[in-house]
Amino acid sequence: MAQNKRTMIDRKYHLFDAKGKVLGRLSTEIARVLMGKNKVGYAPHIDGGDFVIIINSDTVTVTGSKDKKKMYHRFSGYPGGITSINFEDQMKKDSRKIIWQAVYNMLPKNALRGKMLRRLHINKGSDHQEKIIHVTHE
């Protein structure tokens, strides 16, 4: 009897500590694990990635002067409805969205991206056992 390919996928949990890590380097590692590129049987059309838990998102860093110059934009859809915030202020507001946005832009732009992002869990502190917080895009 043939098995379904979905049941053949062996998903594991990977814990990433963002303490002192550079945002871009951390995000590329996370994106590779979510896509499943770290596995032998990688295929781009199969969602074979693993679960990722990130702790200490408040301590992620960027190089150079990006902490003051890097901007995050969102648009409401109305004329004049663009809102911008820099990296430093976004870290004070919610550091999880910074990591989420970086990983979101590194994943493939197709129907599998949403499924991959559901396996991404980001925590501000180091307590990941009791509560796993899933950040959704606003």
N, C-alpha and C. Protein backbone atom coordinates (compact mmCIF):
# COMPACT_ATOMS: atom_id res chain seq x y z
N MET A 1 0.84 -1.18 0.00
CA MET A 1 0.00 0.00 0.00
C MET A 1 0.88 1.24 0.00
N ALA A 2 0.63 2.17 -0.88
CA ALA A 2 1.43 3.38 -1.01
C ALA A 2 1.07 4.37 0.09
N GLN A 3 2.10 4.98 0.65
CA GLN A 3 1.87 5.99 1.68
C GLN A 3 1.72 7.36 1.05
N ASN A 4 1.00 8.21 1.74
CA ASN A 4 0.85 9.59 1.31
C ASN A 4 2.16 10.33 1.58
N LYS A 5 2.55 11.23 0.70
CA LYS A 5 3.81 11.95 0.88
C LYS A 5 3.78 12.84 2.12
N ARG A 6 2.58 13.32 2.48
CA ARG A 6 2.48 14.15 3.68
C ARG A 6 2.80 13.36 4.93
N THR A 7 2.43 12.10 4.98
CA THR A 7 2.71 11.30 6.17
C THR A 7 4.16 10.85 6.22
N MET A 8 4.86 10.92 5.12
CA MET A 8 6.25 10.51 5.09
C MET A 8 7.20 11.60 5.59
N ILE A 9 6.73 12.83 5.71
CA ILE A 9 7.59 13.94 6.13
C ILE A 9 7.83 13.85 7.63
N ASP A 10 9.09 13.84 8.00
CA ASP A 10 9.47 13.77 9.41
C ASP A 10 9.83 15.18 9.86
N ARG A 11 8.91 15.83 10.60
CA ARG A 11 9.12 17.20 11.06
C ARG A 11 9.76 17.20 12.44
N LYS A 12 10.78 18.03 12.58
CA LYS A 12 11.47 18.18 13.85
C LYS A 12 11.35 19.62 14.31
N TYR A 13 11.71 19.87 15.55
CA TYR A 13 11.71 21.21 16.11
C TYR A 13 13.14 21.72 16.20
N HIS A 14 13.35 22.95 15.73
CA HIS A 14 14.66 23.59 15.80
C HIS A 14 14.54 24.83 16.66
N LEU A 15 15.43 24.98 17.63
CA LEU A 15 15.42 26.12 18.53
C LEU A 15 16.55 27.06 18.14
N PHE A 16 16.20 28.32 17.85
CA PHE A 16 17.19 29.34 17.50
C PHE A 16 17.20 30.39 18.60
N ASP A 17 18.38 30.73 19.08
CA ASP A 17 18.53 31.79 20.06
C ASP A 17 19.04 33.03 19.33
N ALA A 18 18.26 34.11 19.37
CA ALA A 18 18.60 35.33 18.63
C ALA A 18 19.51 36.25 19.40
N LYS A 19 19.98 35.83 20.55
CA LYS A 19 20.81 36.70 21.40
C LYS A 19 22.12 37.05 20.69
N GLY A 20 22.27 38.33 20.36
CA GLY A 20 23.50 38.81 19.73
C GLY A 20 23.67 38.42 18.28
N LYS A 21 22.69 37.79 17.66
CA LYS A 21 22.80 37.38 16.25
C LYS A 21 22.41 38.53 15.33
N VAL A 22 22.99 38.54 14.15
CA VAL A 22 22.65 39.53 13.13
C VAL A 22 21.37 39.09 12.44
N LEU A 23 20.46 40.03 12.21
CA LEU A 23 19.13 39.74 11.71
C LEU A 23 19.14 38.96 10.39
N GLY A 24 19.89 39.41 9.41
CA GLY A 24 19.90 38.77 8.10
C GLY A 24 20.47 37.36 8.12
N ARG A 25 21.54 37.18 8.88
CA ARG A 25 22.17 35.85 8.95
C ARG A 25 21.26 34.86 9.66
N LEU A 26 20.61 35.31 10.71
CA LEU A 26 19.67 34.45 11.43
C LEU A 26 18.47 34.10 10.55
N SER A 27 17.96 35.07 9.82
CA SER A 27 16.77 34.86 8.98
C SER A 27 17.03 33.87 7.85
N THR A 28 18.22 33.89 7.28
CA THR A 28 18.52 32.94 6.20
C THR A 28 18.57 31.51 6.73
N GLU A 29 19.13 31.33 7.93
CA GLU A 29 19.16 29.99 8.53
C GLU A 29 17.74 29.50 8.80
N ILE A 30 16.91 30.38 9.33
CA ILE A 30 15.52 30.01 9.64
C ILE A 30 14.75 29.68 8.38
N ALA A 31 14.92 30.47 7.33
CA ALA A 31 14.21 30.24 6.07
C ALA A 31 14.61 28.90 5.46
N ARG A 32 15.89 28.54 5.54
CA ARG A 32 16.34 27.25 5.01
C ARG A 32 15.67 26.09 5.73
N VAL A 33 15.54 26.19 7.06
CA VAL A 33 14.92 25.11 7.83
C VAL A 33 13.42 25.04 7.54
N LEU A 34 12.75 26.20 7.43
CA LEU A 34 11.32 26.20 7.13
C LEU A 34 11.01 25.62 5.75
N MET A 35 11.90 25.86 4.78
CA MET A 35 11.71 25.31 3.43
C MET A 35 12.07 23.84 3.35
N GLY A 36 12.93 23.38 4.24
CA GLY A 36 13.37 21.99 4.21
C GLY A 36 14.64 21.79 3.41
N LYS A 37 15.36 22.87 3.13
CA LYS A 37 16.60 22.74 2.35
C LYS A 37 17.72 22.07 3.13
N ASN A 38 17.55 21.92 4.42
CA ASN A 38 18.57 21.25 5.21
C ASN A 38 18.41 19.73 5.19
N LYS A 39 17.41 19.22 4.50
CA LYS A 39 17.15 17.78 4.43
C LYS A 39 17.64 17.21 3.10
N VAL A 40 17.88 15.92 3.11
CA VAL A 40 18.38 15.25 1.92
C VAL A 40 17.32 15.19 0.82
N GLY A 41 16.09 14.95 1.18
CA GLY A 41 15.03 14.79 0.20
C GLY A 41 14.32 16.08 -0.14
N TYR A 42 15.04 17.18 -0.26
CA TYR A 42 14.41 18.47 -0.56
C TYR A 42 13.83 18.49 -1.96
N ALA A 43 12.62 18.97 -2.08
CA ALA A 43 11.98 19.22 -3.37
C ALA A 43 11.23 20.54 -3.25
N PRO A 44 11.39 21.46 -4.19
CA PRO A 44 10.79 22.78 -4.04
C PRO A 44 9.27 22.79 -4.06
N HIS A 45 8.65 21.76 -4.60
CA HIS A 45 7.19 21.73 -4.67
C HIS A 45 6.54 21.03 -3.48
N ILE A 46 7.35 20.51 -2.56
CA ILE A 46 6.83 19.82 -1.38
C ILE A 46 7.20 20.63 -0.14
N ASP A 47 6.22 20.82 0.73
CA ASP A 47 6.45 21.53 1.97
C ASP A 47 7.00 20.55 2.99
N GLY A 48 8.30 20.35 3.00
CA GLY A 48 8.92 19.35 3.86
C GLY A 48 9.76 19.94 4.96
N GLY A 49 9.53 21.20 5.31
CA GLY A 49 10.34 21.86 6.32
C GLY A 49 9.98 21.46 7.74
N ASP A 50 10.75 21.98 8.68
CA ASP A 50 10.58 21.67 10.09
C ASP A 50 9.98 22.86 10.83
N PHE A 51 9.67 22.65 12.11
CA PHE A 51 9.19 23.70 12.98
C PHE A 51 10.38 24.51 13.49
N VAL A 52 10.19 25.82 13.66
CA VAL A 52 11.25 26.69 14.16
C VAL A 52 10.71 27.49 15.33
N ILE A 53 11.45 27.46 16.43
CA ILE A 53 11.13 28.27 17.61
C ILE A 53 12.30 29.23 17.81
N ILE A 54 11.99 30.51 17.90
CA ILE A 54 13.01 31.53 18.10
C ILE A 54 12.80 32.13 19.49
N ILE A 55 13.87 32.21 20.26
CA ILE A 55 13.79 32.84 21.58
C ILE A 55 14.68 34.07 21.60
N ASN A 56 14.43 34.96 22.55
CA ASN A 56 15.20 36.20 22.74
C ASN A 56 15.19 37.09 21.51
N SER A 57 14.02 37.33 20.95
CA SER A 57 13.94 38.18 19.75
C SER A 57 14.26 39.64 20.07
N ASP A 58 14.20 40.03 21.34
CA ASP A 58 14.52 41.40 21.72
C ASP A 58 16.00 41.72 21.59
N THR A 59 16.84 40.71 21.48
CA THR A 59 18.29 40.94 21.47
C THR A 59 18.92 40.79 20.08
N VAL A 60 18.12 40.72 19.02
CA VAL A 60 18.67 40.60 17.68
C VAL A 60 19.29 41.95 17.29
N THR A 61 20.36 41.90 16.50
CA THR A 61 21.05 43.12 16.12
C THR A 61 21.13 43.25 14.61
N VAL A 62 21.54 44.43 14.16
CA VAL A 62 21.85 44.68 12.75
C VAL A 62 23.21 45.34 12.70
N THR A 63 23.87 45.27 11.56
CA THR A 63 25.21 45.82 11.43
C THR A 63 25.16 47.26 10.95
N GLY A 64 26.24 47.97 11.19
CA GLY A 64 26.35 49.34 10.72
C GLY A 64 25.37 50.27 11.43
N SER A 65 24.86 51.24 10.68
CA SER A 65 23.92 52.21 11.25
C SER A 65 22.48 51.89 10.85
N LYS A 66 22.21 50.62 10.55
CA LYS A 66 20.86 50.23 10.14
C LYS A 66 19.85 50.37 11.26
N ASP A 67 20.30 50.37 12.50
CA ASP A 67 19.34 50.51 13.60
C ASP A 67 18.62 51.85 13.57
N LYS A 68 19.23 52.87 12.96
CA LYS A 68 18.56 54.17 12.84
C LYS A 68 18.03 54.41 11.43
N LYS A 69 18.62 53.78 10.41
CA LYS A 69 18.25 54.07 9.02
C LYS A 69 17.27 53.08 8.41
N LYS A 70 17.26 51.83 8.88
CA LYS A 70 16.39 50.82 8.29
C LYS A 70 14.94 51.13 8.60
N MET A 71 14.10 51.15 7.56
CA MET A 71 12.70 51.53 7.72
C MET A 71 11.78 50.36 7.37
N TYR A 72 10.66 50.28 8.09
CA TYR A 72 9.61 49.31 7.82
C TYR A 72 8.36 50.10 7.43
N HIS A 73 7.78 49.75 6.28
CA HIS A 73 6.62 50.47 5.76
C HIS A 73 5.40 49.56 5.74
N ARG A 74 4.24 50.15 5.94
CA ARG A 74 2.99 49.43 5.72
C ARG A 74 2.00 50.42 5.11
N PHE A 75 1.09 49.89 4.33
CA PHE A 75 0.18 50.72 3.58
C PHE A 75 -1.25 50.27 3.84
N SER A 76 -2.12 51.21 4.18
CA SER A 76 -3.50 50.88 4.53
C SER A 76 -4.38 50.66 3.31
N GLY A 77 -3.96 51.16 2.15
CA GLY A 77 -4.78 51.04 0.95
C GLY A 77 -5.48 52.34 0.59
N TYR A 78 -5.46 53.29 1.51
CA TYR A 78 -6.07 54.59 1.27
C TYR A 78 -5.02 55.59 0.80
N PRO A 79 -5.43 56.62 0.09
CA PRO A 79 -4.48 57.66 -0.33
C PRO A 79 -3.81 58.30 0.89
N GLY A 80 -2.50 58.37 0.85
CA GLY A 80 -1.74 58.92 1.96
C GLY A 80 -1.68 58.00 3.16
N GLY A 81 -2.00 56.74 2.98
CA GLY A 81 -2.09 55.80 4.09
C GLY A 81 -0.83 55.01 4.34
N ILE A 82 0.34 55.54 3.99
CA ILE A 82 1.58 54.81 4.27
C ILE A 82 2.11 55.24 5.62
N THR A 83 2.53 54.26 6.40
CA THR A 83 3.09 54.50 7.72
C THR A 83 4.47 53.86 7.77
N SER A 84 5.44 54.59 8.28
CA SER A 84 6.80 54.09 8.34
C SER A 84 7.31 54.15 9.77
N ILE A 85 8.17 53.20 10.11
CA ILE A 85 8.78 53.15 11.43
C ILE A 85 10.20 52.60 11.25
N ASN A 86 11.16 53.15 12.00
CA ASN A 86 12.53 52.68 11.83
C ASN A 86 12.79 51.46 12.72
N PHE A 87 13.93 50.83 12.53
CA PHE A 87 14.28 49.58 13.21
C PHE A 87 14.27 49.75 14.72
N GLU A 88 14.87 50.84 15.19
CA GLU A 88 15.01 51.06 16.63
C GLU A 88 13.64 51.17 17.31
N ASP A 89 12.73 51.93 16.70
CA ASP A 89 11.39 52.09 17.29
C ASP A 89 10.58 50.80 17.19
N GLN A 90 10.74 50.06 16.09
CA GLN A 90 10.02 48.79 15.94
C GLN A 90 10.51 47.77 16.97
N MET A 91 11.79 47.79 17.31
CA MET A 91 12.32 46.89 18.35
C MET A 91 11.67 47.19 19.69
N LYS A 92 11.45 48.47 19.98
CA LYS A 92 10.80 48.83 21.24
C LYS A 92 9.33 48.42 21.22
N LYS A 93 8.69 48.55 20.07
CA LYS A 93 7.27 48.24 19.94
C LYS A 93 7.02 46.73 19.97
N ASP A 94 7.62 46.00 19.01
CA ASP A 94 7.47 44.55 18.95
C ASP A 94 8.58 43.96 18.09
N SER A 95 9.56 43.35 18.73
CA SER A 95 10.72 42.83 18.02
C SER A 95 10.39 41.58 17.21
N ARG A 96 9.28 40.90 17.53
CA ARG A 96 8.93 39.68 16.81
C ARG A 96 8.59 39.97 15.35
N LYS A 97 7.99 41.13 15.09
CA LYS A 97 7.61 41.47 13.72
C LYS A 97 8.82 41.70 12.83
N ILE A 98 9.92 42.13 13.40
CA ILE A 98 11.14 42.35 12.62
C ILE A 98 11.65 41.02 12.08
N ILE A 99 11.74 40.03 12.94
CA ILE A 99 12.22 38.71 12.50
C ILE A 99 11.21 38.09 11.54
N TRP A 100 9.91 38.21 11.86
CA TRP A 100 8.88 37.64 11.00
C TRP A 100 8.95 38.23 9.60
N GLN A 101 9.13 39.54 9.49
CA GLN A 101 9.19 40.20 8.18
C GLN A 101 10.42 39.77 7.40
N ALA A 102 11.56 39.63 8.08
CA ALA A 102 12.78 39.21 7.40
C ALA A 102 12.64 37.79 6.85
N VAL A 103 12.08 36.88 7.64
CA VAL A 103 11.90 35.50 7.18
C VAL A 103 10.85 35.44 6.09
N TYR A 104 9.77 36.19 6.23
CA TYR A 104 8.69 36.24 5.23
C TYR A 104 9.23 36.60 3.85
N ASN A 105 10.11 37.59 3.79
CA ASN A 105 10.66 38.03 2.51
C ASN A 105 11.68 37.05 1.93
N MET A 106 12.21 36.14 2.74
CA MET A 106 13.19 35.17 2.26
C MET A 106 12.57 33.86 1.79
N LEU A 107 11.31 33.64 2.11
CA LEU A 107 10.63 32.42 1.68
C LEU A 107 10.12 32.57 0.25
N PRO A 108 9.88 31.46 -0.46
CA PRO A 108 9.40 31.55 -1.84
C PRO A 108 8.02 32.20 -1.91
N LYS A 109 7.81 32.99 -2.94
CA LYS A 109 6.56 33.73 -3.10
C LYS A 109 5.55 32.86 -3.83
N ASN A 110 5.03 31.83 -3.15
CA ASN A 110 4.02 30.95 -3.74
C ASN A 110 3.06 30.47 -2.65
N ALA A 111 2.24 29.52 -2.95
CA ALA A 111 1.21 29.06 -2.03
C ALA A 111 1.78 28.36 -0.80
N LEU A 112 3.02 27.92 -0.85
CA LEU A 112 3.60 27.20 0.29
C LEU A 112 4.10 28.14 1.38
N ARG A 113 4.25 29.44 1.08
CA ARG A 113 4.81 30.37 2.05
C ARG A 113 3.95 30.45 3.32
N GLY A 114 2.65 30.50 3.18
CA GLY A 114 1.77 30.56 4.35
C GLY A 114 1.87 29.32 5.21
N LYS A 115 1.98 28.16 4.59
CA LYS A 115 2.12 26.92 5.34
C LYS A 115 3.45 26.87 6.09
N MET A 116 4.49 27.40 5.46
CA MET A 116 5.79 27.43 6.12
C MET A 116 5.78 28.38 7.31
N LEU A 117 5.14 29.52 7.16
CA LEU A 117 5.12 30.51 8.23
C LEU A 117 4.29 30.05 9.43
N ARG A 118 3.36 29.13 9.24
CA ARG A 118 2.60 28.61 10.38
C ARG A 118 3.48 27.78 11.32
N ARG A 119 4.61 27.34 10.83
CA ARG A 119 5.54 26.57 11.66
C ARG A 119 6.60 27.44 12.31
N LEU A 120 6.48 28.76 12.16
CA LEU A 120 7.44 29.71 12.75
C LEU A 120 6.85 30.28 14.03
N HIS A 121 7.55 30.10 15.15
CA HIS A 121 7.10 30.60 16.44
C HIS A 121 8.19 31.49 17.03
N ILE A 122 7.83 32.72 17.37
CA ILE A 122 8.81 33.70 17.84
C ILE A 122 8.42 34.14 19.25
N ASN A 123 9.40 34.12 20.15
CA ASN A 123 9.20 34.54 21.54
C ASN A 123 10.16 35.66 21.88
N LYS A 124 9.67 36.64 22.65
CA LYS A 124 10.52 37.75 23.07
C LYS A 124 11.55 37.32 24.09
N GLY A 125 11.15 36.51 25.04
CA GLY A 125 12.05 36.07 26.09
C GLY A 125 12.60 34.69 25.82
N SER A 126 13.13 34.08 26.88
CA SER A 126 13.73 32.76 26.72
C SER A 126 12.79 31.63 27.12
N ASP A 127 11.55 31.95 27.52
CA ASP A 127 10.61 30.90 27.92
C ASP A 127 9.79 30.46 26.71
N HIS A 128 10.12 29.30 26.19
CA HIS A 128 9.43 28.81 25.00
C HIS A 128 8.58 27.58 25.30
N GLN A 129 8.67 27.03 26.48
CA GLN A 129 7.93 25.82 26.79
C GLN A 129 6.46 26.08 27.07
N GLU A 130 6.16 27.12 27.92
CA GLU A 130 4.78 27.34 28.31
C GLU A 130 3.93 27.92 27.20
N LYS A 131 4.43 28.98 26.59
CA LYS A 131 3.62 29.66 25.59
C LYS A 131 4.42 29.84 24.31
N ILE A 132 3.89 29.36 23.25
CA ILE A 132 4.49 29.57 21.94
C ILE A 132 3.63 30.61 21.24
N ILE A 133 4.25 31.73 20.92
CA ILE A 133 3.52 32.83 20.31
C ILE A 133 3.73 32.78 18.82
N HIS A 134 2.64 32.78 18.08
CA HIS A 134 2.70 32.77 16.62
C HIS A 134 2.35 34.18 16.14
N VAL A 135 3.26 34.82 15.45
CA VAL A 135 3.04 36.17 14.97
C VAL A 135 2.38 36.09 13.61
N THR A 136 1.30 36.80 13.45
CA THR A 136 0.62 36.86 12.16
C THR A 136 0.84 38.22 11.55
N HIS A 137 0.74 38.29 10.26
CA HIS A 137 0.94 39.53 9.53
C HIS A 137 -0.30 40.40 9.65
N GLU A 138 -0.11 41.68 9.96
CA GLU A 138 -1.24 42.61 10.08
C GLU A 138 -1.48 43.36 8.81
